[in-house]
Amino acid sequence: MMCVYGPAGSGKTMSVNSALRHLAPDITHRLELRAGPAPRDIRHGLFQALGLPGEPPARPIEFDTLLRRHSRRSSGYWSATRRSG
């Protein structure tokens, strides 16, 4: 895990996305979140980004179990960006 920080407009998102496209294009998952996402927003975004079948579980513990099970079977990198608006 890493943290990229800097002032708005300095190219953080572009730099991370560019590096991931170059280093790991086939195992990078992109997740777009609204400003100040709730845990449920993050879980549902992960569910969609991973292309998991069916509907997202309603209860957080079921969701976390599903994500842990999936993460053991696959590897990859994540790029999360904030959606404006």
PDB file of N, CA and C in Angstrom:
ATOM      1  N   MET A   1       0.845  -1.160   0.000  1.00  0.00           N
ATOM      2  CA  MET A   1       0.000   0.000   0.000  1.00  0.00           C
ATOM      3  C   MET A   1       0.896   1.229   0.000  1.00  0.00           C
ATOM      4  N   MET A   2       0.413   2.253  -0.631  1.00  0.00           N
ATOM      5  CA  MET A   2       1.164   3.499  -0.623  1.00  0.00           C
ATOM      6  C   MET A   2       0.194   4.666  -0.552  1.00  0.00           C
ATOM      7  N   CYS A   3       0.711   5.791  -0.200  1.00  0.00           N
ATOM      8  CA  CYS A   3      -0.091   7.009  -0.126  1.00  0.00           C
ATOM      9  C   CYS A   3       0.599   8.065  -0.974  1.00  0.00           C
ATOM     10  N   VAL A   4      -0.153   8.680  -1.859  1.00  0.00           N
ATOM     11  CA  VAL A   4       0.374   9.750  -2.694  1.00  0.00           C
ATOM     12  C   VAL A   4      -0.352  11.020  -2.283  1.00  0.00           C
ATOM     13  N   TYR A   5       0.401  12.033  -1.943  1.00  0.00           N
ATOM     14  CA  TYR A   5      -0.245  13.272  -1.522  1.00  0.00           C
ATOM     15  C   TYR A   5       0.419  14.462  -2.175  1.00  0.00           C
ATOM     16  N   GLY A   6      -0.303  15.560  -2.213  1.00  0.00           N
ATOM     17  CA  GLY A   6       0.201  16.787  -2.803  1.00  0.00           C
ATOM     18  C   GLY A   6      -0.959  17.715  -3.080  1.00  0.00           C
ATOM     19  N   PRO A   7      -0.666  18.913  -3.490  1.00  0.00           N
ATOM     20  CA  PRO A   7      -1.736  19.877  -3.746  1.00  0.00           C
ATOM     21  C   PRO A   7      -2.591  19.462  -4.947  1.00  0.00           C
ATOM     22  N   ALA A   8      -3.809  19.970  -4.951  1.00  0.00           N
ATOM     23  CA  ALA A   8      -4.724  19.703  -6.062  1.00  0.00           C
ATOM     24  C   ALA A   8      -4.086  20.143  -7.377  1.00  0.00           C
ATOM     25  N   GLY A   9      -4.254  19.310  -8.384  1.00  0.00           N
ATOM     26  CA  GLY A   9      -3.749  19.658  -9.715  1.00  0.00           C
ATOM     27  C   GLY A   9      -2.283  19.372  -9.946  1.00  0.00           C
ATOM     28  N   SER A  10      -1.624  18.703  -8.990  1.00  0.00           N
ATOM     29  CA  SER A  10      -0.187  18.452  -9.148  1.00  0.00           C
ATOM     30  C   SER A  10       0.126  17.174  -9.923  1.00  0.00           C
ATOM     31  N   GLY A  11      -0.912  16.401 -10.304  1.00  0.00           N
ATOM     32  CA  GLY A  11      -0.688  15.221 -11.136  1.00  0.00           C
ATOM     33  C   GLY A  11      -0.623  13.904 -10.390  1.00  0.00           C
ATOM     34  N   LYS A  12      -1.151  13.853  -9.171  1.00  0.00           N
ATOM     35  CA  LYS A  12      -1.098  12.616  -8.376  1.00  0.00           C
ATOM     36  C   LYS A  12      -1.817  11.470  -9.081  1.00  0.00           C
ATOM     37  N   THR A  13      -3.068  11.695  -9.442  1.00  0.00           N
ATOM     38  CA  THR A  13      -3.871  10.641 -10.072  1.00  0.00           C
ATOM     39  C   THR A  13      -3.258  10.226 -11.394  1.00  0.00           C
ATOM     40  N   MET A  14      -2.856  11.174 -12.203  1.00  0.00           N
ATOM     41  CA  MET A  14      -2.263  10.863 -13.491  1.00  0.00           C
ATOM     42  C   MET A  14      -0.989  10.032 -13.315  1.00  0.00           C
ATOM     43  N   SER A  15      -0.164  10.383 -12.353  1.00  0.00           N
ATOM     44  CA  SER A  15       1.089   9.664 -12.132  1.00  0.00           C
ATOM     45  C   SER A  15       0.850   8.222 -11.698  1.00  0.00           C
ATOM     46  N   VAL A  16      -0.061   8.038 -10.749  1.00  0.00           N
ATOM     47  CA  VAL A  16      -0.360   6.678 -10.271  1.00  0.00           C
ATOM     48  C   VAL A  16      -0.958   5.852 -11.397  1.00  0.00           C
ATOM     49  N   ASN A  17      -1.948   6.387 -12.104  1.00  0.00           N
ATOM     50  CA  ASN A  17      -2.571   5.634 -13.196  1.00  0.00           C
ATOM     51  C   ASN A  17      -1.577   5.309 -14.298  1.00  0.00           C
ATOM     52  N   SER A  18      -0.705   6.234 -14.616  1.00  0.00           N
ATOM     53  CA  SER A  18       0.306   6.002 -15.641  1.00  0.00           C
ATOM     54  C   SER A  18       1.266   4.888 -15.216  1.00  0.00           C
ATOM     55  N   ALA A  19       1.713   4.941 -13.982  1.00  0.00           N
ATOM     56  CA  ALA A  19       2.628   3.907 -13.478  1.00  0.00           C
ATOM     57  C   ALA A  19       1.966   2.536 -13.488  1.00  0.00           C
ATOM     58  N   LEU A  20       0.702   2.457 -13.050  1.00  0.00           N
ATOM     59  CA  LEU A  20       0.007   1.168 -13.028  1.00  0.00           C
ATOM     60  C   LEU A  20      -0.252   0.642 -14.436  1.00  0.00           C
ATOM     61  N   ARG A  21      -0.577   1.523 -15.375  1.00  0.00           N
ATOM     62  CA  ARG A  21      -0.765   1.081 -16.765  1.00  0.00           C
ATOM     63  C   ARG A  21       0.533   0.496 -17.321  1.00  0.00           C
ATOM     64  N   HIS A  22       1.651   1.068 -16.916  1.00  0.00           N
ATOM     65  CA  HIS A  22       2.947   0.602 -17.398  1.00  0.00           C
ATOM     66  C   HIS A  22       3.399  -0.680 -16.684  1.00  0.00           C
ATOM     67  N   LEU A  23       3.252  -0.728 -15.368  1.00  0.00           N
ATOM     68  CA  LEU A  23       3.791  -1.835 -14.581  1.00  0.00           C
ATOM     69  C   LEU A  23       2.871  -3.057 -14.484  1.00  0.00           C
ATOM     70  N   ALA A  24       1.576  -2.832 -14.435  1.00  0.00           N
ATOM     71  CA  ALA A  24       0.663  -3.948 -14.173  1.00  0.00           C
ATOM     72  C   ALA A  24      -0.680  -3.759 -14.873  1.00  0.00           C
ATOM     73  N   PRO A  25      -0.700  -3.640 -16.185  1.00  0.00           N
ATOM     74  CA  PRO A  25      -1.961  -3.340 -16.870  1.00  0.00           C
ATOM     75  C   PRO A  25      -3.029  -4.423 -16.720  1.00  0.00           C
ATOM     76  N   ASP A  26      -2.620  -5.679 -16.603  1.00  0.00           N
ATOM     77  CA  ASP A  26      -3.595  -6.773 -16.564  1.00  0.00           C
ATOM     78  C   ASP A  26      -4.118  -7.092 -15.173  1.00  0.00           C
ATOM     79  N   ILE A  27      -3.487  -6.551 -14.143  1.00  0.00           N
ATOM     80  CA  ILE A  27      -3.932  -6.868 -12.777  1.00  0.00           C
ATOM     81  C   ILE A  27      -4.234  -5.609 -11.961  1.00  0.00           C
ATOM     82  N   THR A  28      -4.551  -4.534 -12.655  1.00  0.00           N
ATOM     83  CA  THR A  28      -4.912  -3.295 -11.975  1.00  0.00           C
ATOM     84  C   THR A  28      -6.420  -3.109 -12.032  1.00  0.00           C
ATOM     85  N   HIS A  29      -7.014  -2.849 -10.882  1.00  0.00           N
ATOM     86  CA  HIS A  29      -8.447  -2.605 -10.782  1.00  0.00           C
ATOM     87  C   HIS A  29      -8.641  -1.143 -10.420  1.00  0.00           C
ATOM     88  N   ARG A  30      -9.489  -0.455 -11.153  1.00  0.00           N
ATOM     89  CA  ARG A  30      -9.734   0.958 -10.873  1.00  0.00           C
ATOM     90  C   ARG A  30     -11.053   1.117 -10.135  1.00  0.00           C
ATOM     91  N   LEU A  31     -11.024   1.922  -9.105  1.00  0.00           N
ATOM     92  CA  LEU A  31     -12.189   2.149  -8.265  1.00  0.00           C
ATOM     93  C   LEU A  31     -12.411   3.642  -8.132  1.00  0.00           C
ATOM     94  N   GLU A  32     -13.578   4.105  -8.555  1.00  0.00           N
ATOM     95  CA  GLU A  32     -13.882   5.530  -8.483  1.00  0.00           C
ATOM     96  C   GLU A  32     -14.897   5.761  -7.366  1.00  0.00           C
ATOM     97  N   LEU A  33     -14.544   6.637  -6.432  1.00  0.00           N
ATOM     98  CA  LEU A  33     -15.387   6.895  -5.274  1.00  0.00           C
ATOM     99  C   LEU A  33     -15.765   8.363  -5.197  1.00  0.00           C
ATOM    100  N   ARG A  34     -16.927   8.620  -4.644  1.00  0.00           N
ATOM    101  CA  ARG A  34     -17.329  10.008  -4.425  1.00  0.00           C
ATOM    102  C   ARG A  34     -16.531  10.550  -3.239  1.00  0.00           C
ATOM    103  N   ALA A  35     -16.535  11.840  -3.057  1.00  0.00           N
ATOM    104  CA  ALA A  35     -15.830  12.453  -1.936  1.00  0.00           C
ATOM    105  C   ALA A  35     -16.445  11.967  -0.625  1.00  0.00           C
ATOM    106  N   GLY A  36     -15.616  11.606   0.336  1.00  0.00           N
ATOM    107  CA  GLY A  36     -16.090  11.156   1.642  1.00  0.00           C
ATOM    108  C   GLY A  36     -16.916   9.885   1.575  1.00  0.00           C
ATOM    109  N   PRO A  37     -16.413   8.824   0.947  1.00  0.00           N
ATOM    110  CA  PRO A  37     -17.221   7.615   0.800  1.00  0.00           C
ATOM    111  C   PRO A  37     -17.446   6.913   2.140  1.00  0.00           C
ATOM    112  N   ALA A  38     -18.623   6.339   2.284  1.00  0.00           N
ATOM    113  CA  ALA A  38     -18.924   5.511   3.453  1.00  0.00           C
ATOM    114  C   ALA A  38     -18.364   4.110   3.190  1.00  0.00           C
ATOM    115  N   PRO A  39     -18.161   3.315   4.249  1.00  0.00           N
ATOM    116  CA  PRO A  39     -17.672   1.943   4.040  1.00  0.00           C
ATOM    117  C   PRO A  39     -18.519   1.151   3.038  1.00  0.00           C
ATOM    118  N   ARG A  40     -19.833   1.349   3.072  1.00  0.00           N
ATOM    119  CA  ARG A  40     -20.713   0.654   2.134  1.00  0.00           C
ATOM    120  C   ARG A  40     -20.380   1.044   0.690  1.00  0.00           C
ATOM    121  N   ASP A  41     -20.094   2.319   0.442  1.00  0.00           N
ATOM    122  CA  ASP A  41     -19.731   2.770  -0.905  1.00  0.00           C
ATOM    123  C   ASP A  41     -18.463   2.073  -1.382  1.00  0.00           C
ATOM    124  N   ILE A  42     -17.494   1.952  -0.486  1.00  0.00           N
ATOM    125  CA  ILE A  42     -16.228   1.310  -0.844  1.00  0.00           C
ATOM    126  C   ILE A  42     -16.452  -0.170  -1.151  1.00  0.00           C
ATOM    127  N   ARG A  43     -17.219  -0.845  -0.288  1.00  0.00           N
ATOM    128  CA  ARG A  43     -17.499  -2.267  -0.524  1.00  0.00           C
ATOM    129  C   ARG A  43     -18.217  -2.486  -1.852  1.00  0.00           C
ATOM    130  N   HIS A  44     -19.228  -1.677  -2.132  1.00  0.00           N
ATOM    131  CA  HIS A  44     -19.973  -1.842  -3.387  1.00  0.00           C
ATOM    132  C   HIS A  44     -19.093  -1.513  -4.588  1.00  0.00           C
ATOM    133  N   GLY A  45     -18.229  -0.523  -4.457  1.00  0.00           N
ATOM    134  CA  GLY A  45     -17.289  -0.214  -5.536  1.00  0.00           C
ATOM    135  C   GLY A  45     -16.339  -1.360  -5.803  1.00  0.00           C
ATOM    136  N   LEU A  46     -15.844  -1.994  -4.737  1.00  0.00           N
ATOM    137  CA  LEU A  46     -14.962  -3.152  -4.887  1.00  0.00           C
ATOM    138  C   LEU A  46     -15.697  -4.309  -5.554  1.00  0.00           C
ATOM    139  N   PHE A  47     -16.934  -4.537  -5.138  1.00  0.00           N
ATOM    140  CA  PHE A  47     -17.738  -5.612  -5.710  1.00  0.00           C
ATOM    141  C   PHE A  47     -17.865  -5.426  -7.222  1.00  0.00           C
ATOM    142  N   GLN A  48     -18.180  -4.213  -7.642  1.00  0.00           N
ATOM    143  CA  GLN A  48     -18.333  -3.935  -9.072  1.00  0.00           C
ATOM    144  C   GLN A  48     -17.002  -4.005  -9.806  1.00  0.00           C
ATOM    145  N   ALA A  49     -15.948  -3.436  -9.223  1.00  0.00           N
ATOM    146  CA  ALA A  49     -14.642  -3.421  -9.883  1.00  0.00           C
ATOM    147  C   ALA A  49     -14.101  -4.833 -10.077  1.00  0.00           C
ATOM    148  N   LEU A  50     -14.405  -5.733  -9.146  1.00  0.00           N
ATOM    149  CA  LEU A  50     -13.940  -7.111  -9.246  1.00  0.00           C
ATOM    150  C   LEU A  50     -14.814  -7.955 -10.172  1.00  0.00           C
ATOM    151  N   GLY A  51     -15.974  -7.421 -10.544  1.00  0.00           N
ATOM    152  CA  GLY A  51     -16.876  -8.166 -11.418  1.00  0.00           C
ATOM    153  C   GLY A  51     -17.446  -9.406 -10.748  1.00  0.00           C
ATOM    154  N   LEU A  52     -17.685  -9.325  -9.434  1.00  0.00           N
ATOM    155  CA  LEU A  52     -18.227 -10.482  -8.724  1.00  0.00           C
ATOM    156  C   LEU A  52     -19.677 -10.711  -9.143  1.00  0.00           C
ATOM    157  N   PRO A  53     -20.096 -11.984  -9.225  1.00  0.00           N
ATOM    158  CA  PRO A  53     -21.451 -12.293  -9.688  1.00  0.00           C
ATOM    159  C   PRO A  53     -22.513 -12.001  -8.631  1.00  0.00           C
ATOM    160  N   GLY A  54     -23.719 -11.768  -9.100  1.00  0.00           N
ATOM    161  CA  GLY A  54     -24.845 -11.575  -8.191  1.00  0.00           C
ATOM    162  C   GLY A  54     -24.908 -10.175  -7.622  1.00  0.00           C
ATOM    163  N   GLU A  55     -25.612 -10.078  -6.514  1.00  0.00           N
ATOM    164  CA  GLU A  55     -25.785  -8.808  -5.812  1.00  0.00           C
ATOM    165  C   GLU A  55     -24.813  -8.722  -4.647  1.00  0.00           C
ATOM    166  N   PRO A  56     -24.347  -7.518  -4.303  1.00  0.00           N
ATOM    167  CA  PRO A  56     -23.469  -7.374  -3.140  1.00  0.00           C
ATOM    168  C   PRO A  56     -24.199  -7.799  -1.861  1.00  0.00           C
ATOM    169  N   PRO A  57     -23.524  -8.511  -0.952  1.00  0.00           N
ATOM    170  CA  PRO A  57     -24.150  -8.881   0.311  1.00  0.00           C
ATOM    171  C   PRO A  57     -24.607  -7.638   1.081  1.00  0.00           C
ATOM    172  N   ALA A  58     -25.692  -7.775   1.800  1.00  0.00           N
ATOM    173  CA  ALA A  58     -26.255  -6.643   2.541  1.00  0.00           C
ATOM    174  C   ALA A  58     -25.502  -6.372   3.842  1.00  0.00           C
ATOM    175  N   ARG A  59     -25.012  -7.420   4.476  1.00  0.00           N
ATOM    176  CA  ARG A  59     -24.356  -7.254   5.775  1.00  0.00           C
ATOM    177  C   ARG A  59     -22.842  -7.113   5.608  1.00  0.00           C
ATOM    178  N   PRO A  60     -22.217  -6.161   6.313  1.00  0.00           N
ATOM    179  CA  PRO A  60     -20.775  -5.940   6.168  1.00  0.00           C
ATOM    180  C   PRO A  60     -19.930  -7.192   6.415  1.00  0.00           C
ATOM    181  N   ILE A  61     -20.280  -8.016   7.404  1.00  0.00           N
ATOM    182  CA  ILE A  61     -19.458  -9.193   7.705  1.00  0.00           C
ATOM    183  C   ILE A  61     -19.478 -10.183   6.538  1.00  0.00           C
ATOM    184  N   GLU A  62     -20.632 -10.329   5.890  1.00  0.00           N
ATOM    185  CA  GLU A  62     -20.720 -11.214   4.720  1.00  0.00           C
ATOM    186  C   GLU A  62     -19.903 -10.658   3.558  1.00  0.00           C
ATOM    187  N   PHE A  63     -19.963  -9.362   3.414  1.00  0.00           N
ATOM    188  CA  PHE A  63     -19.221  -8.686   2.356  1.00  0.00           C
ATOM    189  C   PHE A  63     -17.718  -8.856   2.570  1.00  0.00           C
ATOM    190  N   ASP A  64     -17.267  -8.621   3.798  1.00  0.00           N
ATOM    191  CA  ASP A  64     -15.840  -8.742   4.103  1.00  0.00           C
ATOM    192  C   ASP A  64     -15.351 -10.167   3.868  1.00  0.00           C
ATOM    193  N   THR A  65     -16.154 -11.155   4.232  1.00  0.00           N
ATOM    194  CA  THR A  65     -15.788 -12.553   4.013  1.00  0.00           C
ATOM    195  C   THR A  65     -15.643 -12.841   2.522  1.00  0.00           C
ATOM    196  N   LEU A  66     -16.603 -12.357   1.729  1.00  0.00           N
ATOM    197  CA  LEU A  66     -16.549 -12.540   0.283  1.00  0.00           C
ATOM    198  C   LEU A  66     -15.299 -11.898  -0.312  1.00  0.00           C
ATOM    199  N   LEU A  67     -14.986 -10.679   0.095  1.00  0.00           N
ATOM    200  CA  LEU A  67     -13.802  -9.994  -0.436  1.00  0.00           C
ATOM    201  C   LEU A  67     -12.509 -10.689  -0.022  1.00  0.00           C
ATOM    202  N   ARG A  68     -12.453 -11.160   1.223  1.00  0.00           N
ATOM    203  CA  ARG A  68     -11.257 -11.893   1.669  1.00  0.00           C
ATOM    204  C   ARG A  68     -11.074 -13.171   0.861  1.00  0.00           C
ATOM    205  N   ARG A  69     -12.167 -13.889   0.643  1.00  0.00           N
ATOM    206  CA  ARG A  69     -12.114 -15.132  -0.130  1.00  0.00           C
ATOM    207  C   ARG A  69     -11.623 -14.844  -1.555  1.00  0.00           C
ATOM    208  N   HIS A  70     -12.144 -13.798  -2.153  1.00  0.00           N
ATOM    209  CA  HIS A  70     -11.732 -13.440  -3.519  1.00  0.00           C
ATOM    210  C   HIS A  70     -10.268 -12.998  -3.557  1.00  0.00           C
ATOM    211  N   SER A  71      -9.836 -12.225  -2.561  1.00  0.00           N
ATOM    212  CA  SER A  71      -8.464 -11.707  -2.578  1.00  0.00           C
ATOM    213  C   SER A  71      -7.432 -12.821  -2.416  1.00  0.00           C
ATOM    214  N   ARG A  72      -7.812 -13.916  -1.801  1.00  0.00           N
ATOM    215  CA  ARG A  72      -6.886 -15.055  -1.679  1.00  0.00           C
ATOM    216  C   ARG A  72      -6.676 -15.744  -3.014  1.00  0.00           C
ATOM    217  N   ARG A  73      -7.690 -15.660  -3.889  1.00  0.00           N
ATOM    218  CA  ARG A  73      -7.608 -16.330  -5.191  1.00  0.00           C
ATOM    219  C   ARG A  73      -6.971 -15.469  -6.263  1.00  0.00           C
ATOM    220  N   SER A  74      -6.858 -14.187  -6.026  1.00  0.00           N
ATOM    221  CA  SER A  74      -6.322 -13.306  -7.061  1.00  0.00           C
ATOM    222  C   SER A  74      -5.398 -12.269  -6.442  1.00  0.00           C
ATOM    223  N   SER A  75      -4.625 -11.669  -7.281  1.00  0.00           N
ATOM    224  CA  SER A  75      -3.752 -10.592  -6.817  1.00  0.00           C
ATOM    225  C   SER A  75      -3.927  -9.416  -7.766  1.00  0.00           C
ATOM    226  N   GLY A  76      -3.424  -8.290  -7.356  1.00  0.00           N
ATOM    227  CA  GLY A  76      -3.537  -7.146  -8.236  1.00  0.00           C
ATOM    228  C   GLY A  76      -3.265  -5.849  -7.515  1.00  0.00           C
ATOM    229  N   TYR A  77      -3.402  -4.774  -8.236  1.00  0.00           N
ATOM    230  CA  TYR A  77      -3.191  -3.431  -7.720  1.00  0.00           C
ATOM    231  C   TYR A  77      -4.496  -2.660  -7.844  1.00  0.00           C
ATOM    232  N   TRP A  78      -4.662  -1.699  -6.962  1.00  0.00           N
ATOM    233  CA  TRP A  78      -5.870  -0.881  -6.958  1.00  0.00           C
ATOM    234  C   TRP A  78      -5.513   0.569  -7.162  1.00  0.00           C
ATOM    235  N   SER A  79      -6.326   1.235  -7.939  1.00  0.00           N
ATOM    236  CA  SER A  79      -6.211   2.670  -8.128  1.00  0.00           C
ATOM    237  C   SER A  79      -7.564   3.266  -7.792  1.00  0.00           C
ATOM    238  N   ALA A  80      -7.648   3.987  -6.690  1.00  0.00           N
ATOM    239  CA  ALA A  80      -8.910   4.604  -6.281  1.00  0.00           C
ATOM    240  C   ALA A  80      -8.845   6.100  -6.527  1.00  0.00           C
ATOM    241  N   THR A  81      -9.860   6.632  -7.163  1.00  0.00           N
ATOM    242  CA  THR A  81      -9.916   8.066  -7.413  1.00  0.00           C
ATOM    243  C   THR A  81     -11.232   8.608  -6.902  1.00  0.00           C
ATOM    244  N   ARG A  82     -11.229   9.881  -6.583  1.00  0.00           N
ATOM    245  CA  ARG A  82     -12.445  10.527  -6.083  1.00  0.00           C
ATOM    246  C   ARG A  82     -13.208  11.109  -7.259  1.00  0.00           C
ATOM    247  N   ARG A  83     -14.481  10.799  -7.298  1.00  0.00           N
ATOM    248  CA  ARG A  83     -15.362  11.316  -8.338  1.00  0.00           C
ATOM    249  C   ARG A  83     -15.850  12.682  -7.871  1.00  0.00           C
ATOM    250  N   SER A  84     -15.778  13.670  -8.720  1.00  0.00           N
ATOM    251  CA  SER A  84     -16.248  14.994  -8.336  1.00  0.00           C
ATOM    252  C   SER A  84     -17.756  15.055  -8.436  1.00  0.00           C
ATOM    253  N   GLY A  85     -18.351  15.842  -7.545  1.00  0.00           N
ATOM    254  CA  GLY A  85     -19.799  16.016  -7.592  1.00  0.00           C
ATOM    255  C   GLY A  85     -20.545  15.250  -6.580  1.00  0.00           C
TER     256      GLY A  85
END
